[in-house]
Amino acid sequence: YKGPVPKKDFTPEHTYIFDDWDKELEPITCDTSYYAKYKTVVNQYKVFWLDSDEKTILHSNTYNYGDLPVYSWENPAKPQDNKFKYTFTGWDKEPTKVEENQFYVAQYKVERLAYKVNFDANGGSGVDYVSSKYVAGFDVMMFPTFMSKEGYKFRGWVDKETNLLVVDECLKLVNP
């Protein structure tokens, strides 16, 4: 036989690779038929586990057609920023048997952070002590500015731990 290699169309489940003929090729002396034999290979597909941005690949695996993908790594974590805390809640859909490449996107519960903000006159007058709750990205807190202390000029508020003038964009605190 000197013709093209026989081909069999693939299915989503299998790819077929020509293996041989069903019997030895011999000189033809009568009507005869030869049937192609194929190796059957189970198709494999990629499953991608993506972060919530739908671009970052957390993990990927190759699965055989019909397998049920399982996420077998530590649950993804999205770092807290200065406004929000993120808690992984699961995937955008339940895993299904693999019949093609699949994508699953991490889902997070988003919680606004709340901060306690204290203003202490530190021996001055205008405010003895004020404490209030600030919800990041939602509230705009005004610094008390009517402060006075004998022999001093009020220049702003200082972070007690760092001894630096408070200019904190993450809290969106403003001094009018």
N, C-alpha and C. Protein backbone atom coordinates (compact mmCIF):
# COMPACT_ATOMS: atom_id res chain seq x y z
N TYR A 1 0.85 -1.18 0.00
CA TYR A 1 0.00 0.00 0.00
C TYR A 1 0.89 1.23 0.00
N LYS A 2 0.65 2.13 -0.93
CA LYS A 2 1.48 3.32 -1.05
C LYS A 2 0.65 4.60 -0.97
N GLY A 3 -0.58 4.50 -0.50
CA GLY A 3 -1.46 5.66 -0.40
C GLY A 3 -1.22 6.45 0.88
N PRO A 4 -2.06 7.47 1.12
CA PRO A 4 -1.91 8.27 2.34
C PRO A 4 -2.25 7.44 3.58
N VAL A 5 -1.70 7.89 4.71
CA VAL A 5 -1.97 7.22 5.98
C VAL A 5 -3.44 7.44 6.31
N PRO A 6 -4.16 6.37 6.61
CA PRO A 6 -5.58 6.53 6.95
C PRO A 6 -5.75 7.41 8.19
N LYS A 7 -6.83 8.15 8.19
CA LYS A 7 -7.13 9.03 9.33
C LYS A 7 -8.56 8.78 9.77
N LYS A 8 -8.77 8.93 11.05
CA LYS A 8 -10.11 8.83 11.61
C LYS A 8 -10.35 10.10 12.41
N ASP A 9 -11.50 10.72 12.22
CA ASP A 9 -11.80 11.97 12.91
C ASP A 9 -11.77 11.78 14.42
N PHE A 10 -11.23 12.77 15.08
CA PHE A 10 -11.20 12.72 16.54
C PHE A 10 -12.56 13.13 17.08
N THR A 11 -12.80 12.76 18.31
CA THR A 11 -13.99 13.18 19.04
C THR A 11 -13.51 14.00 20.23
N PRO A 12 -14.40 14.67 20.93
CA PRO A 12 -13.93 15.37 22.14
C PRO A 12 -13.27 14.43 23.14
N GLU A 13 -13.68 13.16 23.13
CA GLU A 13 -13.14 12.19 24.09
C GLU A 13 -11.87 11.50 23.61
N HIS A 14 -11.78 11.19 22.31
CA HIS A 14 -10.65 10.39 21.82
C HIS A 14 -10.01 10.98 20.58
N THR A 15 -8.72 10.67 20.44
CA THR A 15 -7.97 10.88 19.21
C THR A 15 -7.58 9.49 18.71
N TYR A 16 -7.65 9.31 17.40
CA TYR A 16 -7.36 8.00 16.82
C TYR A 16 -6.10 8.10 15.97
N ILE A 17 -5.16 7.19 16.23
CA ILE A 17 -3.88 7.18 15.53
C ILE A 17 -3.77 5.86 14.76
N PHE A 18 -3.53 5.96 13.47
CA PHE A 18 -3.40 4.75 12.65
C PHE A 18 -2.31 3.86 13.23
N ASP A 19 -2.67 2.59 13.39
CA ASP A 19 -1.74 1.62 13.98
C ASP A 19 -1.24 0.63 12.92
N ASP A 20 -2.17 0.04 12.18
CA ASP A 20 -1.80 -0.96 11.20
C ASP A 20 -3.08 -1.37 10.45
N TRP A 21 -2.92 -2.32 9.58
CA TRP A 21 -4.07 -2.90 8.90
C TRP A 21 -4.53 -4.13 9.68
N ASP A 22 -5.75 -4.53 9.45
CA ASP A 22 -6.30 -5.67 10.20
C ASP A 22 -5.65 -7.00 9.84
N LYS A 23 -4.95 -7.05 8.69
CA LYS A 23 -4.24 -8.27 8.31
C LYS A 23 -3.02 -7.89 7.49
N GLU A 24 -2.13 -8.82 7.32
CA GLU A 24 -0.91 -8.57 6.56
C GLU A 24 -1.24 -8.19 5.13
N LEU A 25 -0.51 -7.23 4.62
CA LEU A 25 -0.68 -6.88 3.21
C LEU A 25 0.04 -7.93 2.37
N GLU A 26 -0.68 -8.50 1.43
CA GLU A 26 -0.13 -9.55 0.57
C GLU A 26 -0.46 -9.21 -0.88
N PRO A 27 0.21 -9.83 -1.79
CA PRO A 27 -0.17 -9.61 -3.20
C PRO A 27 -1.64 -9.95 -3.40
N ILE A 28 -2.33 -9.13 -4.16
CA ILE A 28 -3.77 -9.29 -4.35
C ILE A 28 -4.01 -10.32 -5.46
N THR A 29 -4.79 -11.35 -5.14
CA THR A 29 -5.13 -12.39 -6.12
C THR A 29 -6.63 -12.59 -6.23
N CYS A 30 -7.38 -11.89 -5.36
CA CYS A 30 -8.84 -11.95 -5.39
C CYS A 30 -9.38 -10.72 -4.68
N ASP A 31 -10.72 -10.58 -4.72
CA ASP A 31 -11.32 -9.45 -4.01
C ASP A 31 -10.95 -9.55 -2.53
N THR A 32 -10.50 -8.45 -2.01
CA THR A 32 -10.12 -8.46 -0.59
C THR A 32 -10.29 -7.06 -0.02
N SER A 33 -10.48 -6.97 1.26
CA SER A 33 -10.61 -5.68 1.95
C SER A 33 -9.65 -5.66 3.13
N TYR A 34 -9.09 -4.51 3.32
CA TYR A 34 -8.23 -4.28 4.49
C TYR A 34 -8.87 -3.16 5.30
N TYR A 35 -8.89 -3.34 6.58
CA TYR A 35 -9.49 -2.33 7.47
C TYR A 35 -8.40 -1.75 8.37
N ALA A 36 -8.43 -0.45 8.44
CA ALA A 36 -7.44 0.24 9.28
C ALA A 36 -7.73 -0.03 10.75
N LYS A 37 -6.66 -0.21 11.52
CA LYS A 37 -6.77 -0.33 12.98
C LYS A 37 -6.15 0.93 13.57
N TYR A 38 -6.76 1.41 14.62
CA TYR A 38 -6.30 2.65 15.25
C TYR A 38 -6.05 2.44 16.72
N LYS A 39 -5.04 3.15 17.21
CA LYS A 39 -4.85 3.25 18.66
C LYS A 39 -5.78 4.36 19.13
N THR A 40 -6.46 4.10 20.21
CA THR A 40 -7.36 5.10 20.77
C THR A 40 -6.66 5.77 21.94
N VAL A 41 -6.58 7.09 21.87
CA VAL A 41 -5.93 7.86 22.93
C VAL A 41 -6.98 8.78 23.55
N VAL A 42 -7.07 8.74 24.87
CA VAL A 42 -8.01 9.63 25.57
C VAL A 42 -7.45 11.05 25.49
N ASN A 43 -8.30 11.98 25.05
CA ASN A 43 -7.86 13.37 24.94
C ASN A 43 -7.67 13.98 26.32
N GLN A 44 -6.73 14.90 26.40
CA GLN A 44 -6.46 15.61 27.65
C GLN A 44 -6.72 17.09 27.46
N TYR A 45 -7.17 17.71 28.53
CA TYR A 45 -7.49 19.13 28.51
C TYR A 45 -6.88 19.80 29.72
N LYS A 46 -6.66 21.09 29.58
CA LYS A 46 -6.10 21.90 30.68
C LYS A 46 -7.23 22.51 31.49
N VAL A 47 -7.03 22.51 32.78
CA VAL A 47 -7.94 23.20 33.70
C VAL A 47 -7.12 24.28 34.39
N PHE A 48 -7.62 25.50 34.31
CA PHE A 48 -6.93 26.66 34.88
C PHE A 48 -7.71 27.19 36.07
N TRP A 49 -7.00 27.41 37.16
CA TRP A 49 -7.57 28.01 38.37
C TRP A 49 -7.03 29.43 38.40
N LEU A 50 -7.90 30.42 38.19
CA LEU A 50 -7.49 31.81 38.04
C LEU A 50 -7.84 32.62 39.28
N ASP A 51 -7.04 33.67 39.51
CA ASP A 51 -7.39 34.61 40.58
C ASP A 51 -8.53 35.49 40.09
N SER A 52 -9.07 36.31 40.96
CA SER A 52 -10.27 37.09 40.64
C SER A 52 -10.06 38.08 39.50
N ASP A 53 -8.82 38.41 39.17
CA ASP A 53 -8.58 39.32 38.03
C ASP A 53 -8.77 38.61 36.69
N GLU A 54 -9.00 37.30 36.71
CA GLU A 54 -9.23 36.45 35.55
C GLU A 54 -8.02 36.39 34.61
N LYS A 55 -6.86 36.82 35.09
CA LYS A 55 -5.63 36.79 34.28
C LYS A 55 -4.54 35.98 34.98
N THR A 56 -4.45 36.13 36.28
CA THR A 56 -3.39 35.47 37.04
C THR A 56 -3.73 33.99 37.23
N ILE A 57 -2.85 33.12 36.71
CA ILE A 57 -3.06 31.68 36.85
C ILE A 57 -2.49 31.24 38.20
N LEU A 58 -3.38 30.78 39.07
CA LEU A 58 -2.96 30.28 40.38
C LEU A 58 -2.34 28.89 40.23
N HIS A 59 -3.02 28.04 39.47
CA HIS A 59 -2.55 26.68 39.20
C HIS A 59 -3.22 26.20 37.92
N SER A 60 -2.61 25.21 37.31
CA SER A 60 -3.25 24.54 36.17
C SER A 60 -2.83 23.08 36.19
N ASN A 61 -3.70 22.24 35.68
CA ASN A 61 -3.44 20.81 35.61
C ASN A 61 -3.97 20.28 34.28
N THR A 62 -3.45 19.15 33.89
CA THR A 62 -3.95 18.45 32.71
C THR A 62 -4.80 17.28 33.19
N TYR A 63 -5.98 17.15 32.61
CA TYR A 63 -6.91 16.08 32.99
C TYR A 63 -7.35 15.32 31.74
N ASN A 64 -7.64 14.05 31.92
CA ASN A 64 -8.23 13.25 30.85
C ASN A 64 -9.69 13.63 30.67
N TYR A 65 -10.18 13.46 29.48
CA TYR A 65 -11.59 13.67 29.19
C TYR A 65 -12.42 12.88 30.21
N GLY A 66 -13.42 13.54 30.79
CA GLY A 66 -14.32 12.87 31.73
C GLY A 66 -13.89 12.93 33.18
N ASP A 67 -12.63 13.33 33.44
CA ASP A 67 -12.19 13.47 34.83
C ASP A 67 -12.89 14.66 35.48
N LEU A 68 -13.05 14.60 36.78
CA LEU A 68 -13.59 15.72 37.54
C LEU A 68 -12.41 16.47 38.16
N PRO A 69 -12.18 17.72 37.77
CA PRO A 69 -11.03 18.45 38.32
C PRO A 69 -11.24 18.78 39.79
N VAL A 70 -10.13 18.76 40.52
CA VAL A 70 -10.15 19.07 41.94
C VAL A 70 -9.04 20.06 42.21
N TYR A 71 -9.35 21.13 42.92
CA TYR A 71 -8.33 22.09 43.35
C TYR A 71 -7.70 21.52 44.61
N SER A 72 -6.43 21.11 44.52
CA SER A 72 -5.81 20.39 45.63
C SER A 72 -4.67 21.17 46.29
N TRP A 73 -4.70 22.48 46.17
CA TRP A 73 -3.67 23.30 46.79
C TRP A 73 -4.31 24.13 47.91
N GLU A 74 -3.49 24.85 48.62
CA GLU A 74 -4.00 25.74 49.66
C GLU A 74 -4.92 26.78 49.00
N ASN A 75 -6.00 27.10 49.69
CA ASN A 75 -6.94 28.08 49.14
C ASN A 75 -6.22 29.38 48.79
N PRO A 76 -6.62 30.01 47.70
CA PRO A 76 -5.97 31.27 47.33
C PRO A 76 -6.25 32.35 48.37
N ALA A 77 -5.34 33.30 48.43
CA ALA A 77 -5.50 34.43 49.35
C ALA A 77 -5.20 35.71 48.59
N LYS A 78 -6.03 36.68 48.79
CA LYS A 78 -5.81 37.98 48.19
C LYS A 78 -5.37 38.90 49.33
N PRO A 79 -4.23 39.57 49.17
CA PRO A 79 -3.73 40.38 50.28
C PRO A 79 -4.67 41.53 50.62
N GLN A 80 -4.75 41.78 51.89
CA GLN A 80 -5.52 42.92 52.39
C GLN A 80 -4.81 44.19 51.95
N ASP A 81 -5.58 45.19 51.57
CA ASP A 81 -4.97 46.50 51.31
C ASP A 81 -5.42 47.43 52.43
N ASN A 82 -5.23 48.72 52.26
CA ASN A 82 -5.57 49.62 53.36
C ASN A 82 -7.05 49.98 53.41
N LYS A 83 -7.86 49.45 52.48
CA LYS A 83 -9.29 49.72 52.51
C LYS A 83 -10.12 48.46 52.70
N PHE A 84 -9.61 47.33 52.21
CA PHE A 84 -10.44 46.13 52.18
C PHE A 84 -9.70 44.90 52.68
N LYS A 85 -10.48 43.98 53.22
CA LYS A 85 -10.01 42.65 53.60
C LYS A 85 -10.74 41.67 52.67
N TYR A 86 -10.02 40.65 52.18
CA TYR A 86 -10.59 39.71 51.22
C TYR A 86 -10.55 38.30 51.81
N THR A 87 -11.67 37.61 51.72
CA THR A 87 -11.74 36.24 52.22
C THR A 87 -12.21 35.34 51.08
N PHE A 88 -11.42 34.32 50.76
CA PHE A 88 -11.77 33.39 49.69
C PHE A 88 -13.05 32.67 50.04
N THR A 89 -14.01 32.63 49.08
CA THR A 89 -15.30 31.97 49.32
C THR A 89 -15.54 30.77 48.41
N GLY A 90 -14.70 30.60 47.40
CA GLY A 90 -14.89 29.46 46.49
C GLY A 90 -14.60 29.89 45.06
N TRP A 91 -15.14 29.12 44.12
CA TRP A 91 -14.92 29.36 42.70
C TRP A 91 -16.20 29.88 42.05
N ASP A 92 -16.06 30.48 40.90
CA ASP A 92 -17.22 31.09 40.23
C ASP A 92 -18.26 30.07 39.79
N LYS A 93 -17.87 28.80 39.71
CA LYS A 93 -18.82 27.73 39.37
C LYS A 93 -18.29 26.42 39.93
N GLU A 94 -19.19 25.46 40.04
CA GLU A 94 -18.80 24.13 40.52
C GLU A 94 -18.03 23.41 39.42
N PRO A 95 -16.94 22.72 39.77
CA PRO A 95 -16.22 21.95 38.76
C PRO A 95 -17.12 20.88 38.13
N THR A 96 -16.95 20.72 36.81
CA THR A 96 -17.70 19.71 36.07
C THR A 96 -16.71 18.80 35.36
N LYS A 97 -17.20 17.64 34.91
CA LYS A 97 -16.34 16.71 34.21
C LYS A 97 -15.69 17.40 33.01
N VAL A 98 -14.42 17.10 32.80
CA VAL A 98 -13.64 17.76 31.75
C VAL A 98 -14.05 17.24 30.38
N GLU A 99 -14.48 18.18 29.52
CA GLU A 99 -14.81 17.86 28.13
C GLU A 99 -14.11 18.83 27.18
N GLU A 100 -13.43 19.81 27.75
CA GLU A 100 -12.68 20.82 27.00
C GLU A 100 -11.82 21.56 28.02
N ASN A 101 -10.99 22.51 27.55
CA ASN A 101 -10.24 23.33 28.50
C ASN A 101 -11.24 24.09 29.38
N GLN A 102 -10.92 24.20 30.66
CA GLN A 102 -11.84 24.84 31.59
C GLN A 102 -11.12 25.91 32.40
N PHE A 103 -11.90 26.90 32.85
CA PHE A 103 -11.37 28.00 33.65
C PHE A 103 -12.28 28.20 34.85
N TYR A 104 -11.66 28.29 36.03
CA TYR A 104 -12.39 28.56 37.27
C TYR A 104 -11.76 29.79 37.90
N VAL A 105 -12.61 30.73 38.34
CA VAL A 105 -12.14 32.01 38.86
C VAL A 105 -12.43 32.10 40.36
N ALA A 106 -11.39 32.46 41.12
CA ALA A 106 -11.52 32.61 42.58
C ALA A 106 -12.49 33.74 42.90
N GLN A 107 -13.30 33.52 43.92
CA GLN A 107 -14.25 34.52 44.39
C GLN A 107 -13.89 34.90 45.82
N TYR A 108 -14.03 36.18 46.14
CA TYR A 108 -13.68 36.66 47.46
C TYR A 108 -14.83 37.48 48.04
N LYS A 109 -15.02 37.33 49.34
CA LYS A 109 -15.91 38.22 50.08
C LYS A 109 -15.07 39.45 50.39
N VAL A 110 -15.63 40.64 50.09
CA VAL A 110 -14.90 41.89 50.30
C VAL A 110 -15.51 42.59 51.51
N GLU A 111 -14.64 42.91 52.47
CA GLU A 111 -15.09 43.62 53.66
C GLU A 111 -14.31 44.93 53.78
N ARG A 112 -15.04 46.02 53.96
CA ARG A 112 -14.38 47.30 54.20
C ARG A 112 -13.74 47.27 55.58
N LEU A 113 -12.54 47.80 55.67
CA LEU A 113 -11.86 47.86 56.95
C LEU A 113 -12.36 49.06 57.73
N ALA A 114 -12.41 48.92 59.03
CA ALA A 114 -12.81 50.02 59.91
C ALA A 114 -11.66 50.28 60.88
N TYR A 115 -11.39 51.53 61.10
CA TYR A 115 -10.30 51.92 61.99
C TYR A 115 -10.86 52.80 63.10
N LYS A 116 -10.23 52.69 64.26
CA LYS A 116 -10.55 53.58 65.36
C LYS A 116 -9.53 54.72 65.29
N VAL A 117 -10.02 55.94 65.24
CA VAL A 117 -9.15 57.12 65.15
C VAL A 117 -9.33 57.94 66.42
N ASN A 118 -8.23 58.21 67.10
CA ASN A 118 -8.27 58.98 68.34
C ASN A 118 -7.56 60.31 68.14
N PHE A 119 -8.13 61.37 68.69
CA PHE A 119 -7.49 62.68 68.71
C PHE A 119 -7.32 63.08 70.18
N ASP A 120 -6.09 63.32 70.59
CA ASP A 120 -5.77 63.67 71.97
C ASP A 120 -5.08 65.02 71.95
N ALA A 121 -5.60 65.99 72.69
CA ALA A 121 -5.06 67.35 72.69
C ALA A 121 -3.67 67.43 73.31
N ASN A 122 -3.21 66.39 73.98
CA ASN A 122 -1.86 66.33 74.52
C ASN A 122 -1.52 67.57 75.36
N GLY A 123 -2.42 67.90 76.25
CA GLY A 123 -2.18 69.04 77.14
C GLY A 123 -2.71 70.35 76.59
N GLY A 124 -3.18 70.36 75.37
CA GLY A 124 -3.72 71.58 74.76
C GLY A 124 -5.21 71.66 74.99
N SER A 125 -5.83 72.65 74.37
CA SER A 125 -7.28 72.79 74.51
C SER A 125 -7.91 72.77 73.13
N GLY A 126 -9.21 72.64 73.11
CA GLY A 126 -9.95 72.58 71.86
C GLY A 126 -10.64 71.24 71.71
N VAL A 127 -10.00 70.20 72.21
CA VAL A 127 -10.61 68.88 72.25
C VAL A 127 -9.86 68.12 73.34
N ASP A 128 -10.59 67.53 74.26
CA ASP A 128 -9.93 66.76 75.31
C ASP A 128 -9.47 65.42 74.74
N TYR A 129 -10.42 64.71 74.21
CA TYR A 129 -10.10 63.41 73.63
C TYR A 129 -11.30 63.02 72.77
N VAL A 130 -11.06 62.76 71.52
CA VAL A 130 -12.13 62.35 70.61
C VAL A 130 -11.73 61.02 70.00
N SER A 131 -12.64 60.09 70.02
CA SER A 131 -12.41 58.78 69.41
C SER A 131 -13.59 58.49 68.51
N SER A 132 -13.31 58.07 67.30
CA SER A 132 -14.41 57.73 66.40
C SER A 132 -14.00 56.60 65.48
N LYS A 133 -15.00 55.98 64.89
CA LYS A 133 -14.76 54.88 63.97
C LYS A 133 -14.70 55.44 62.55
N TYR A 134 -13.74 54.96 61.80
CA TYR A 134 -13.57 55.38 60.42
C TYR A 134 -13.65 54.14 59.54
N VAL A 135 -14.52 54.15 58.54
CA VAL A 135 -14.63 53.04 57.60
C VAL A 135 -13.86 53.42 56.34
N ALA A 136 -12.82 52.67 56.04
CA ALA A 136 -11.90 52.99 54.95
C ALA A 136 -12.63 53.09 53.62
N GLY A 137 -12.29 54.15 52.87
CA GLY A 137 -12.84 54.34 51.54
C GLY A 137 -14.27 54.80 51.53
N PHE A 138 -14.84 55.00 52.69
CA PHE A 138 -16.24 55.39 52.76
C PHE A 138 -16.40 56.71 53.50
N ASP A 139 -15.80 56.80 54.68
CA ASP A 139 -15.89 58.01 55.49
C ASP A 139 -14.76 58.96 55.13
N VAL A 140 -15.03 60.22 55.30
CA VAL A 140 -13.97 61.23 55.24
C VAL A 140 -13.98 61.89 56.61
N MET A 141 -12.87 61.77 57.31
CA MET A 141 -12.81 62.29 58.66
C MET A 141 -12.07 63.62 58.65
N MET A 142 -12.60 64.55 59.35
CA MET A 142 -11.99 65.86 59.46
C MET A 142 -11.17 65.91 60.74
N PHE A 143 -9.92 66.35 60.61
CA PHE A 143 -9.09 66.55 61.79
C PHE A 143 -9.61 67.76 62.56
N PRO A 144 -9.73 67.68 63.88
CA PRO A 144 -10.00 68.90 64.63
C PRO A 144 -8.83 69.87 64.45
N THR A 145 -9.11 71.12 64.16
CA THR A 145 -8.03 72.09 63.88
C THR A 145 -8.09 73.31 64.78
N PHE A 146 -9.01 73.33 65.71
CA PHE A 146 -9.17 74.48 66.59
C PHE A 146 -8.40 74.29 67.89
N MET A 147 -7.21 73.77 67.78
CA MET A 147 -6.40 73.44 68.94
C MET A 147 -5.54 74.63 69.36
N SER A 148 -5.28 74.71 70.65
CA SER A 148 -4.34 75.73 71.13
C SER A 148 -3.63 75.21 72.37
N LYS A 149 -2.39 75.68 72.53
CA LYS A 149 -1.60 75.34 73.70
C LYS A 149 -0.64 76.50 73.90
N GLU A 150 -0.60 77.00 75.12
CA GLU A 150 0.23 78.15 75.45
C GLU A 150 1.66 77.92 74.98
N GLY A 151 2.18 78.88 74.18
CA GLY A 151 3.56 78.83 73.71
C GLY A 151 3.78 77.95 72.48
N TYR A 152 2.71 77.41 71.93
CA TYR A 152 2.86 76.53 70.77
C TYR A 152 1.92 76.99 69.65
N LYS A 153 2.31 76.68 68.43
CA LYS A 153 1.45 76.91 67.27
C LYS A 153 1.00 75.53 66.79
N PHE A 154 -0.30 75.34 66.64
CA PHE A 154 -0.82 74.05 66.21
C PHE A 154 -0.47 73.83 64.74
N ARG A 155 0.26 72.72 64.47
CA ARG A 155 0.68 72.44 63.09
C ARG A 155 0.01 71.19 62.54
N GLY A 156 -0.65 70.43 63.35
CA GLY A 156 -1.32 69.23 62.87
C GLY A 156 -1.22 68.12 63.90
N TRP A 157 -1.62 66.99 63.50
CA TRP A 157 -1.64 65.83 64.37
C TRP A 157 -0.43 64.96 64.09
N VAL A 158 0.08 64.31 65.15
CA VAL A 158 1.26 63.48 65.06
C VAL A 158 0.89 62.05 65.46
N ASP A 159 1.38 61.10 64.67
CA ASP A 159 1.17 59.70 65.00
C ASP A 159 2.01 59.38 66.24
N LYS A 160 1.38 58.87 67.28
CA LYS A 160 2.04 58.63 68.56
C LYS A 160 3.18 57.61 68.43
N GLU A 161 3.01 56.63 67.56
CA GLU A 161 4.03 55.58 67.43
C GLU A 161 5.24 56.04 66.62
N THR A 162 5.01 56.82 65.56
CA THR A 162 6.12 57.22 64.68
C THR A 162 6.63 58.63 64.94
N ASN A 163 5.85 59.41 65.69
CA ASN A 163 6.15 60.81 65.96
C ASN A 163 6.24 61.63 64.66
N LEU A 164 5.49 61.20 63.63
CA LEU A 164 5.47 61.91 62.36
C LEU A 164 4.11 62.57 62.16
N LEU A 165 4.12 63.68 61.45
CA LEU A 165 2.89 64.38 61.12
C LEU A 165 2.01 63.45 60.30
N VAL A 166 0.74 63.34 60.64
CA VAL A 166 -0.17 62.41 59.97
C VAL A 166 -0.60 62.98 58.63
N VAL A 167 -0.19 62.31 57.60
CA VAL A 167 -0.69 62.56 56.25
C VAL A 167 -0.89 61.16 55.69
N ASP A 168 -2.08 60.65 55.86
CA ASP A 168 -2.33 59.26 55.56
C ASP A 168 -3.38 59.12 54.47
N GLU A 169 -2.93 58.92 53.23
CA GLU A 169 -3.85 58.82 52.11
C GLU A 169 -4.77 57.61 52.22
N CYS A 170 -4.27 56.55 52.86
CA CYS A 170 -5.10 55.35 52.92
C CYS A 170 -6.36 55.61 53.72
N LEU A 171 -6.31 56.50 54.68
CA LEU A 171 -7.50 56.81 55.47
C LEU A 171 -8.27 57.98 54.89
N LYS A 172 -7.72 58.66 53.92
CA LYS A 172 -8.33 59.84 53.33
C LYS A 172 -8.66 60.88 54.39
N LEU A 173 -7.80 61.00 55.38
CA LEU A 173 -8.01 62.01 56.41
C LEU A 173 -7.54 63.34 55.86
N VAL A 174 -8.33 64.35 56.09
CA VAL A 174 -7.96 65.66 55.57
C VAL A 174 -7.93 66.68 56.67
N ASN A 175 -7.10 67.67 56.52
CA ASN A 175 -7.01 68.75 57.48
C ASN A 175 -7.45 70.02 56.76
N PRO A 176 -8.68 70.52 57.00
CA PRO A 176 -9.19 71.66 56.22
C PRO A 176 -8.40 72.93 56.46
